PDB file of all heavy atoms in Angstrom:
ATOM      1  N   LYS A   1      88.434 115.724 101.925  1.00  0.00           N
ATOM      2  CA  LYS A   1      88.157 114.334 101.570  1.00  0.00           C
ATOM      3  C   LYS A   1      89.014 113.890 100.397  1.00  0.00           C
ATOM      4  O   LYS A   1      89.530 112.778 100.345  1.00  0.00           O
ATOM      5  CB  LYS A   1      86.662 114.167 101.237  1.00  0.00           C
ATOM      6  CG  LYS A   1      85.765 114.167 102.463  1.00  0.00           C
ATOM      7  CD  LYS A   1      84.313 113.966 102.060  1.00  0.00           C
ATOM      8  CE  LYS A   1      83.406 113.930 103.303  1.00  0.00           C
ATOM      9  NZ  LYS A   1      81.964 113.765 102.922  1.00  0.00           N
ATOM     10  N   ILE A   2      89.106 114.838  99.408  1.00  0.00           N
ATOM     11  CA  ILE A   2      89.937 114.507  98.236  1.00  0.00           C
ATOM     12  C   ILE A   2      91.389 114.273  98.661  1.00  0.00           C
ATOM     13  O   ILE A   2      92.051 113.308  98.224  1.00  0.00           O
ATOM     14  CB  ILE A   2      89.821 115.623  97.183  1.00  0.00           C
ATOM     15  CG1 ILE A   2      88.420 115.631  96.565  1.00  0.00           C
ATOM     16  CG2 ILE A   2      90.884 115.449  96.088  1.00  0.00           C
ATOM     17  CD1 ILE A   2      88.093 116.919  95.795  1.00  0.00           C
ATOM     18  N   SER A   3      91.830 115.170  99.526  1.00  0.00           N
ATOM     19  CA  SER A   3      93.227 115.004  99.996  1.00  0.00           C
ATOM     20  C   SER A   3      93.377 113.698 100.803  1.00  0.00           C
ATOM     21  O   SER A   3      94.394 112.979 100.671  1.00  0.00           O
ATOM     22  CB  SER A   3      93.639 116.217 100.840  1.00  0.00           C
ATOM     23  OG  SER A   3      92.822 116.302 102.012  1.00  0.00           O
ATOM     24  N   ILE A   4      92.304 113.367 101.574  1.00  0.00           N
ATOM     25  CA  ILE A   4      92.372 112.119 102.348  1.00  0.00           C
ATOM     26  C   ILE A   4      92.413 110.925 101.409  1.00  0.00           C
ATOM     27  O   ILE A   4      93.154 109.950 101.613  1.00  0.00           O
ATOM     28  CB  ILE A   4      91.190 112.046 103.327  1.00  0.00           C
ATOM     29  CG1 ILE A   4      91.387 113.034 104.491  1.00  0.00           C
ATOM     30  CG2 ILE A   4      91.036 110.629 103.891  1.00  0.00           C
ATOM     31  CD1 ILE A   4      90.132 113.276 105.318  1.00  0.00           C
ATOM     32  N   LYS A   5      91.534 110.988 100.325  1.00  0.00           N
ATOM     33  CA  LYS A   5      91.566 109.880  99.358  1.00  0.00           C
ATOM     34  C   LYS A   5      92.945 109.749  98.714  1.00  0.00           C
ATOM     35  O   LYS A   5      93.474 108.646  98.522  1.00  0.00           O
ATOM     36  CB  LYS A   5      90.493 110.101  98.291  1.00  0.00           C
ATOM     37  CG  LYS A   5      89.081 109.815  98.786  1.00  0.00           C
ATOM     38  CD  LYS A   5      88.074 110.045  97.659  1.00  0.00           C
ATOM     39  CE  LYS A   5      86.648 109.764  98.138  1.00  0.00           C
ATOM     40  NZ  LYS A   5      85.632 110.014  97.059  1.00  0.00           N
ATOM     41  N   GLU A   6      93.489 110.929  98.348  1.00  0.00           N
ATOM     42  CA  GLU A   6      94.816 110.890  97.715  1.00  0.00           C
ATOM     43  C   GLU A   6      95.857 110.285  98.657  1.00  0.00           C
ATOM     44  O   GLU A   6      96.684 109.465  98.260  1.00  0.00           O
ATOM     45  CB  GLU A   6      95.231 112.298  97.285  1.00  0.00           C
ATOM     46  CG  GLU A   6      94.408 112.829  96.126  1.00  0.00           C
ATOM     47  CD  GLU A   6      94.814 114.248  95.759  1.00  0.00           C
ATOM     48  OE1 GLU A   6      95.629 114.838  96.526  1.00  0.00           O
ATOM     49  OE2 GLU A   6      94.325 114.776  94.739  1.00  0.00           O
ATOM     50  N   THR A   7      95.756 110.712  99.906  1.00  0.00           N
ATOM     51  CA  THR A   7      96.714 110.161 100.891  1.00  0.00           C
ATOM     52  C   THR A   7      96.524 108.659 101.083  1.00  0.00           C
ATOM     53  O   THR A   7      97.490 107.892 101.192  1.00  0.00           O
ATOM     54  CB  THR A   7      96.569 110.868 102.241  1.00  0.00           C
ATOM     55  OG1 THR A   7      95.187 110.822 102.651  1.00  0.00           O
ATOM     56  CG2 THR A   7      97.031 112.299 102.159  1.00  0.00           C
ATOM     57  N   GLU A   8      95.183 108.234 101.063  1.00  0.00           N
ATOM     58  CA  GLU A   8      94.941 106.785 101.194  1.00  0.00           C
ATOM     59  C   GLU A   8      95.491 106.031 100.006  1.00  0.00           C
ATOM     60  O   GLU A   8      96.073 104.963 100.132  1.00  0.00           O
ATOM     61  CB  GLU A   8      93.453 106.541 101.361  1.00  0.00           C
ATOM     62  CG  GLU A   8      92.923 106.932 102.742  1.00  0.00           C
ATOM     63  CD  GLU A   8      91.417 106.726 102.873  1.00  0.00           C
ATOM     64  OE1 GLU A   8      90.784 106.424 101.818  1.00  0.00           O
ATOM     65  OE2 GLU A   8      90.887 106.844 103.985  1.00  0.00           O
ATOM     66  N   GLU A   9      95.277 106.645  98.789  1.00  0.00           N
ATOM     67  CA  GLU A   9      95.837 106.004  97.601  1.00  0.00           C
ATOM     68  C   GLU A   9      97.369 105.934  97.698  1.00  0.00           C
ATOM     69  O   GLU A   9      97.980 104.893  97.371  1.00  0.00           O
ATOM     70  CB  GLU A   9      95.403 106.774  96.348  1.00  0.00           C
ATOM     71  CG  GLU A   9      93.907 106.602  96.032  1.00  0.00           C
ATOM     72  CD  GLU A   9      93.472 107.462  94.854  1.00  0.00           C
ATOM     73  OE1 GLU A   9      94.355 108.245  94.372  1.00  0.00           O
ATOM     74  OE2 GLU A   9      92.321 107.360  94.416  1.00  0.00           O
ATOM     75  N   ARG A  10      97.910 107.052  98.133  1.00  0.00           N
ATOM     76  CA  ARG A  10      99.371 107.041  98.299  1.00  0.00           C
ATOM     77  C   ARG A  10      99.813 105.991  99.337  1.00  0.00           C
ATOM     78  O   ARG A  10     100.833 105.303  99.163  1.00  0.00           O
ATOM     79  CB  ARG A  10      99.867 108.425  98.726  1.00  0.00           C
ATOM     80  CG  ARG A  10      99.787 109.458  97.643  1.00  0.00           C
ATOM     81  CD  ARG A  10     100.799 109.116  96.552  1.00  0.00           C
ATOM     82  NE  ARG A  10     100.794 110.068  95.494  1.00  0.00           N
ATOM     83  CZ  ARG A  10     101.489 111.206  95.479  1.00  0.00           C
ATOM     84  NH1 ARG A  10     102.250 111.489  96.502  1.00  0.00           N
ATOM     85  NH2 ARG A  10     101.420 112.029  94.437  1.00  0.00           N
ATOM     86  N   ILE A  11      99.003 105.864 100.387  1.00  0.00           N
ATOM     87  CA  ILE A  11      99.335 104.872 101.436  1.00  0.00           C
ATOM     88  C   ILE A  11      99.278 103.469 100.853  1.00  0.00           C
ATOM     89  O   ILE A  11     100.139 102.615 101.121  1.00  0.00           O
ATOM     90  CB  ILE A  11      98.387 105.033 102.632  1.00  0.00           C
ATOM     91  CG1 ILE A  11      98.750 106.289 103.430  1.00  0.00           C
ATOM     92  CG2 ILE A  11      98.470 103.803 103.554  1.00  0.00           C
ATOM     93  CD1 ILE A  11      97.695 106.736 104.396  1.00  0.00           C
ATOM     94  N   VAL A  12      98.191 103.225  99.995  1.00  0.00           N
ATOM     95  CA  VAL A  12      98.101 101.896  99.367  1.00  0.00           C
ATOM     96  C   VAL A  12      99.300 101.655  98.478  1.00  0.00           C
ATOM     97  O   VAL A  12      99.906 100.558  98.474  1.00  0.00           O
ATOM     98  CB  VAL A  12      96.774 101.781  98.598  1.00  0.00           C
ATOM     99  CG1 VAL A  12      96.765 100.515  97.747  1.00  0.00           C
ATOM    100  CG2 VAL A  12      95.586 101.777  99.554  1.00  0.00           C
ATOM    101  N   GLU A  13      99.638 102.700  97.693  1.00  0.00           N
ATOM    102  CA  GLU A  13     100.822 102.551  96.827  1.00  0.00           C
ATOM    103  C   GLU A  13     102.073 102.269  97.666  1.00  0.00           C
ATOM    104  O   GLU A  13     102.914 101.426  97.320  1.00  0.00           O
ATOM    105  CB  GLU A  13     101.000 103.817  95.988  1.00  0.00           C
ATOM    106  CG  GLU A  13      99.931 103.980  94.914  1.00  0.00           C
ATOM    107  CD  GLU A  13     100.115 105.276  94.139  1.00  0.00           C
ATOM    108  OE1 GLU A  13     101.025 106.055  94.514  1.00  0.00           O
ATOM    109  OE2 GLU A  13      99.365 105.502  93.180  1.00  0.00           O
ATOM    110  N   MET A  14     102.182 103.019  98.768  1.00  0.00           N
ATOM    111  CA  MET A  14     103.363 102.803  99.632  1.00  0.00           C
ATOM    112  C   MET A  14     103.354 101.408 100.237  1.00  0.00           C
ATOM    113  O   MET A  14     104.398 100.759 100.367  1.00  0.00           O
ATOM    114  CB  MET A  14     103.393 103.853 100.746  1.00  0.00           C
ATOM    115  CG  MET A  14     103.643 105.260 100.256  1.00  0.00           C
ATOM    116  SD  MET A  14     105.204 105.432  99.411  1.00  0.00           S
ATOM    117  CE  MET A  14     106.318 105.162 100.736  1.00  0.00           C
ATOM    118  N   GLN A  15     102.114 100.920 100.606  1.00  0.00           N
ATOM    119  CA  GLN A  15     102.041  99.556 101.128  1.00  0.00           C
ATOM    120  C   GLN A  15     102.478  98.539 100.086  1.00  0.00           C
ATOM    121  O   GLN A  15     103.209  97.593 100.376  1.00  0.00           O
ATOM    122  CB  GLN A  15     100.620  99.256 101.611  1.00  0.00           C
ATOM    123  CG  GLN A  15     100.255  99.945 102.916  1.00  0.00           C
ATOM    124  CD  GLN A  15      98.831  99.688 103.340  1.00  0.00           C
ATOM    125  OE1 GLN A  15      98.050  99.072 102.561  1.00  0.00           O
ATOM    126  NE2 GLN A  15      98.446 100.161 104.525  1.00  0.00           N
ATOM    127  N   ASN A  16     102.025  98.782  98.826  1.00  0.00           N
ATOM    128  CA  ASN A  16     102.468  97.887  97.753  1.00  0.00           C
ATOM    129  C   ASN A  16     103.995  97.936  97.577  1.00  0.00           C
ATOM    130  O   ASN A  16     104.660  96.914  97.380  1.00  0.00           O
ATOM    131  CB  ASN A  16     101.772  98.252  96.439  1.00  0.00           C
ATOM    132  CG  ASN A  16     100.271  97.982  96.499  1.00  0.00           C
ATOM    133  OD1 ASN A  16      99.858  96.993  97.128  1.00  0.00           O
ATOM    134  ND2 ASN A  16      99.473  98.820  95.861  1.00  0.00           N
ATOM    135  N   MET A  17     104.471  99.173  97.646  1.00  0.00           N
ATOM    136  CA  MET A  17     105.934  99.314  97.519  1.00  0.00           C
ATOM    137  C   MET A  17     106.654  98.630  98.681  1.00  0.00           C
ATOM    138  O   MET A  17     107.710  97.985  98.499  1.00  0.00           O
ATOM    139  CB  MET A  17     106.303 100.802  97.455  1.00  0.00           C
ATOM    140  CG  MET A  17     105.884 101.475  96.158  1.00  0.00           C
ATOM    141  SD  MET A  17     106.215 103.236  96.175  1.00  0.00           S
ATOM    142  CE  MET A  17     107.973 103.209  96.039  1.00  0.00           C
ATOM    143  N   VAL A  18     106.060  98.741  99.896  1.00  0.00           N
ATOM    144  CA  VAL A  18     106.688  98.081 101.069  1.00  0.00           C
ATOM    145  C   VAL A  18     106.665  96.571 100.906  1.00  0.00           C
ATOM    146  O   VAL A  18     107.629  95.868 101.242  1.00  0.00           O
ATOM    147  CB  VAL A  18     105.970  98.512 102.363  1.00  0.00           C
ATOM    148  CG1 VAL A  18     106.360  97.620 103.530  1.00  0.00           C
ATOM    149  CG2 VAL A  18     106.286  99.965 102.674  1.00  0.00           C
ATOM    150  N   GLN A  19     105.497  96.069 100.359  1.00  0.00           N
ATOM    151  CA  GLN A  19     105.453  94.629 100.099  1.00  0.00           C
ATOM    152  C   GLN A  19     106.523  94.201  99.103  1.00  0.00           C
ATOM    153  O   GLN A  19     107.202  93.188  99.268  1.00  0.00           O
ATOM    154  CB  GLN A  19     104.055  94.235  99.584  1.00  0.00           C
ATOM    155  CG  GLN A  19     102.967  94.269 100.645  1.00  0.00           C
ATOM    156  CD  GLN A  19     101.611  93.918 100.090  1.00  0.00           C
ATOM    157  OE1 GLN A  19     101.477  93.676  98.869  1.00  0.00           O
ATOM    158  NE2 GLN A  19     100.591  93.901 100.962  1.00  0.00           N
ATOM    159  N   GLY A  20     106.665  95.049  98.029  1.00  0.00           N
ATOM    160  CA  GLY A  20     107.738  94.725  97.069  1.00  0.00           C
ATOM    161  C   GLY A  20     109.117  94.766  97.731  1.00  0.00           C
ATOM    162  O   GLY A  20     109.999  93.929  97.455  1.00  0.00           O
ATOM    163  N   VAL A  21     109.261  95.761  98.640  1.00  0.00           N
ATOM    164  CA  VAL A  21     110.545  95.865  99.341  1.00  0.00           C
ATOM    165  C   VAL A  21     110.779  94.646 100.233  1.00  0.00           C
ATOM    166  O   VAL A  21     111.894  94.111 100.313  1.00  0.00           O
ATOM    167  CB  VAL A  21     110.591  97.175 100.154  1.00  0.00           C
ATOM    168  CG1 VAL A  21     111.777  97.171 101.109  1.00  0.00           C
ATOM    169  CG2 VAL A  21     110.673  98.364  99.224  1.00  0.00           C
ATOM    170  N   THR A  22     109.670  94.187 100.912  1.00  0.00           N
ATOM    171  CA  THR A  22     109.832  92.989 101.758  1.00  0.00           C
ATOM    172  C   THR A  22     110.194  91.781 100.920  1.00  0.00           C
ATOM    173  O   THR A  22     111.034  90.952 101.303  1.00  0.00           O
ATOM    174  CB  THR A  22     108.540  92.724 102.536  1.00  0.00           C
ATOM    175  OG1 THR A  22     107.441  92.679 101.616  1.00  0.00           O
ATOM    176  CG2 THR A  22     108.283  93.809 103.582  1.00  0.00           C
ATOM    177  N   GLN A  23     109.517  91.673  99.741  1.00  0.00           N
ATOM    178  CA  GLN A  23     109.880  90.558  98.854  1.00  0.00           C
ATOM    179  C   GLN A  23     111.348  90.649  98.414  1.00  0.00           C
ATOM    180  O   GLN A  23     112.080  89.660  98.401  1.00  0.00           O
ATOM    181  CB  GLN A  23     108.955  90.540  97.622  1.00  0.00           C
ATOM    182  CG  GLN A  23     107.518  90.130  97.939  1.00  0.00           C
ATOM    183  CD  GLN A  23     106.624  90.184  96.719  1.00  0.00           C
ATOM    184  OE1 GLN A  23     107.070  90.565  95.628  1.00  0.00           O
ATOM    185  NE2 GLN A  23     105.351  89.804  96.906  1.00  0.00           N
ATOM    186  N   SER A  24     111.711  91.880  98.053  1.00  0.00           N
ATOM    187  CA  SER A  24     113.126  92.062  97.649  1.00  0.00           C
ATOM    188  C   SER A  24     114.062  91.777  98.828  1.00  0.00           C
ATOM    189  O   SER A  24     115.158  91.218  98.651  1.00  0.00           O
ATOM    190  CB  SER A  24     113.331  93.482  97.113  1.00  0.00           C
ATOM    191  OG  SER A  24     113.075  94.432  98.153  1.00  0.00           O
ATOM    192  N   GLU A  25     113.608  92.160 100.065  1.00  0.00           N
ATOM    193  CA  GLU A  25     114.440  91.845 101.241  1.00  0.00           C
ATOM    194  C   GLU A  25     114.567  90.335 101.440  1.00  0.00           C
ATOM    195  O   GLU A  25     115.639  89.824 101.801  1.00  0.00           O
ATOM    196  CB  GLU A  25     113.828  92.486 102.488  1.00  0.00           C
ATOM    197  CG  GLU A  25     114.094  93.973 102.588  1.00  0.00           C
ATOM    198  CD  GLU A  25     113.467  94.562 103.847  1.00  0.00           C
ATOM    199  OE1 GLU A  25     112.742  93.819 104.545  1.00  0.00           O
ATOM    200  OE2 GLU A  25     113.722  95.740 104.109  1.00  0.00           O
ATOM    201  N   ALA A  26     113.463  89.588 101.194  1.00  0.00           N
ATOM    202  CA  ALA A  26     113.540  88.126 101.301  1.00  0.00           C
ATOM    203  C   ALA A  26     114.513  87.563 100.276  1.00  0.00           C
ATOM    204  O   ALA A  26     115.348  86.684 100.579  1.00  0.00           O
ATOM    205  CB  ALA A  26     112.140  87.521 101.106  1.00  0.00           C
ATOM    206  N   GLU A  27     114.401  88.102  99.029  1.00  0.00           N
ATOM    207  CA  GLU A  27     115.344  87.652  98.008  1.00  0.00           C
ATOM    208  C   GLU A  27     116.777  87.997  98.406  1.00  0.00           C
ATOM    209  O   GLU A  27     117.711  87.197  98.233  1.00  0.00           O
ATOM    210  CB  GLU A  27     114.984  88.290  96.661  1.00  0.00           C
ATOM    211  CG  GLU A  27     113.666  87.778  96.082  1.00  0.00           C
ATOM    212  CD  GLU A  27     113.302  88.490  94.791  1.00  0.00           C
ATOM    213  OE1 GLU A  27     114.044  89.432  94.430  1.00  0.00           O
ATOM    214  OE2 GLU A  27     112.292  88.097  94.165  1.00  0.00           O
ATOM    215  N   ILE A  28     116.921  89.205  98.933  1.00  0.00           N
ATOM    216  CA  ILE A  28     118.268  89.619  99.384  1.00  0.00           C
ATOM    217  C   ILE A  28     118.766  88.719 100.509  1.00  0.00           C
ATOM    218  O   ILE A  28     119.950  88.366 100.589  1.00  0.00           O
ATOM    219  CB  ILE A  28     118.240  91.098  99.808  1.00  0.00           C
ATOM    220  CG1 ILE A  28     118.075  91.992  98.582  1.00  0.00           C
ATOM    221  CG2 ILE A  28     119.519  91.473 100.569  1.00  0.00           C
ATOM    222  CD1 ILE A  28     117.663  93.406  98.913  1.00  0.00           C
ATOM    223  N   HIS A  29     117.800  88.342 101.406  1.00  0.00           N
ATOM    224  CA  HIS A  29     118.182  87.442 102.500  1.00  0.00           C
ATOM    225  C   HIS A  29     118.645  86.081 101.961  1.00  0.00           C
ATOM    226  O   HIS A  29     119.625  85.502 102.440  1.00  0.00           O
ATOM    227  CB  HIS A  29     116.988  87.259 103.439  1.00  0.00           C
ATOM    228  CG  HIS A  29     117.332  86.462 104.677  1.00  0.00           C
ATOM    229  ND1 HIS A  29     118.192  86.933 105.664  1.00  0.00           N
ATOM    230  CD2 HIS A  29     116.924  85.231 105.084  1.00  0.00           C
ATOM    231  CE1 HIS A  29     118.300  86.035 106.607  1.00  0.00           C
ATOM    232  NE2 HIS A  29     117.532  84.981 106.278  1.00  0.00           N
ATOM    233  N   GLN A  30     117.916  85.600 100.923  1.00  0.00           N
ATOM    234  CA  GLN A  30     118.341  84.335 100.303  1.00  0.00           C
ATOM    235  C   GLN A  30     119.729  84.470  99.686  1.00  0.00           C
ATOM    236  O   GLN A  30     120.602  83.618  99.860  1.00  0.00           O
ATOM    237  CB  GLN A  30     117.317  83.909  99.234  1.00  0.00           C
ATOM    238  CG  GLN A  30     115.980  83.452  99.801  1.00  0.00           C
ATOM    239  CD  GLN A  30     114.989  83.091  98.721  1.00  0.00           C
ATOM    240  OE1 GLN A  30     115.298  83.226  97.521  1.00  0.00           O
ATOM    241  NE2 GLN A  30     113.809  82.633  99.133  1.00  0.00           N
ATOM    242  N   THR A  31     119.882  85.576  98.952  1.00  0.00           N
ATOM    243  CA  THR A  31     121.220  85.807  98.362  1.00  0.00           C
ATOM    244  C   THR A  31     122.282  85.975  99.449  1.00  0.00           C
ATOM    245  O   THR A  31     123.425  85.519  99.297  1.00  0.00           O
ATOM    246  CB  THR A  31     121.195  87.048  97.465  1.00  0.00           C
ATOM    247  OG1 THR A  31     120.705  88.162  98.233  1.00  0.00           O
ATOM    248  CG2 THR A  31     120.333  86.823  96.243  1.00  0.00           C
ATOM    249  N   TYR A  32     121.869  86.615 100.580  1.00  0.00           N
ATOM    250  CA  TYR A  32     122.820  86.764 101.691  1.00  0.00           C
ATOM    251  C   TYR A  32     123.207  85.398 102.268  1.00  0.00           C
ATOM    252  O   TYR A  32     124.384  85.157 102.595  1.00  0.00           O
ATOM    253  CB  TYR A  32     122.184  87.648 102.747  1.00  0.00           C
ATOM    254  CG  TYR A  32     123.063  87.899 103.952  1.00  0.00           C
ATOM    255  CD1 TYR A  32     124.204  88.713 103.842  1.00  0.00           C
ATOM    256  CD2 TYR A  32     122.787  87.317 105.180  1.00  0.00           C
ATOM    257  CE1 TYR A  32     125.015  88.935 104.929  1.00  0.00           C
ATOM    258  CE2 TYR A  32     123.604  87.524 106.265  1.00  0.00           C
ATOM    259  CZ  TYR A  32     124.719  88.348 106.140  1.00  0.00           C
ATOM    260  OH  TYR A  32     125.539  88.567 107.218  1.00  0.00           O
ATOM    261  N   ASN A  33     122.201  84.489 102.380  1.00  0.00           N
ATOM    262  CA  ASN A  33     122.513  83.132 102.849  1.00  0.00           C
ATOM    263  C   ASN A  33     123.461  82.420 101.896  1.00  0.00           C
ATOM    264  O   ASN A  33     124.419  81.745 102.315  1.00  0.00           O
ATOM    265  CB  ASN A  33     121.229  82.321 103.009  1.00  0.00           C
ATOM    266  CG  ASN A  33     120.366  82.814 104.164  1.00  0.00           C
ATOM    267  OD1 ASN A  33     120.909  83.245 105.196  1.00  0.00           O
ATOM    268  ND2 ASN A  33     119.059  82.749 104.009  1.00  0.00           N
ATOM    269  N   LEU A  34     123.174  82.610 100.579  1.00  0.00           N
ATOM    270  CA  LEU A  34     124.078  82.025  99.594  1.00  0.00           C
ATOM    271  C   LEU A  34     125.483  82.592  99.738  1.00  0.00           C
ATOM    272  O   LEU A  34     126.490  81.872  99.662  1.00  0.00           O
ATOM    273  CB  LEU A  34     123.547  82.248  98.177  1.00  0.00           C
ATOM    274  CG  LEU A  34     122.278  81.478  97.782  1.00  0.00           C
ATOM    275  CD1 LEU A  34     121.765  81.959  96.435  1.00  0.00           C
ATOM    276  CD2 LEU A  34     122.575  79.984  97.719  1.00  0.00           C
ATOM    277  N   LEU A  35     125.532  83.910  99.955  1.00  0.00           N
ATOM    278  CA  LEU A  35     126.851  84.543 100.149  1.00  0.00           C
ATOM    279  C   LEU A  35     127.539  84.025 101.410  1.00  0.00           C
ATOM    280  O   LEU A  35     128.772  83.831 101.433  1.00  0.00           O
ATOM    281  CB  LEU A  35     126.692  86.066 100.214  1.00  0.00           C
ATOM    282  CG  LEU A  35     126.392  86.767  98.887  1.00  0.00           C
ATOM    283  CD1 LEU A  35     126.038  88.225  99.134  1.00  0.00           C
ATOM    284  CD2 LEU A  35     127.590  86.665  97.959  1.00  0.00           C
TER     285      LEU A  35
END
């Protein structure tokens, strides 16, 4: 259970990181349009 909780926490962290990556991808897309 502890390992599952840790993995879930890690998954949440990874989801947050993925959201940040998507935001950064949107910003990159905007910069790409500007380019």
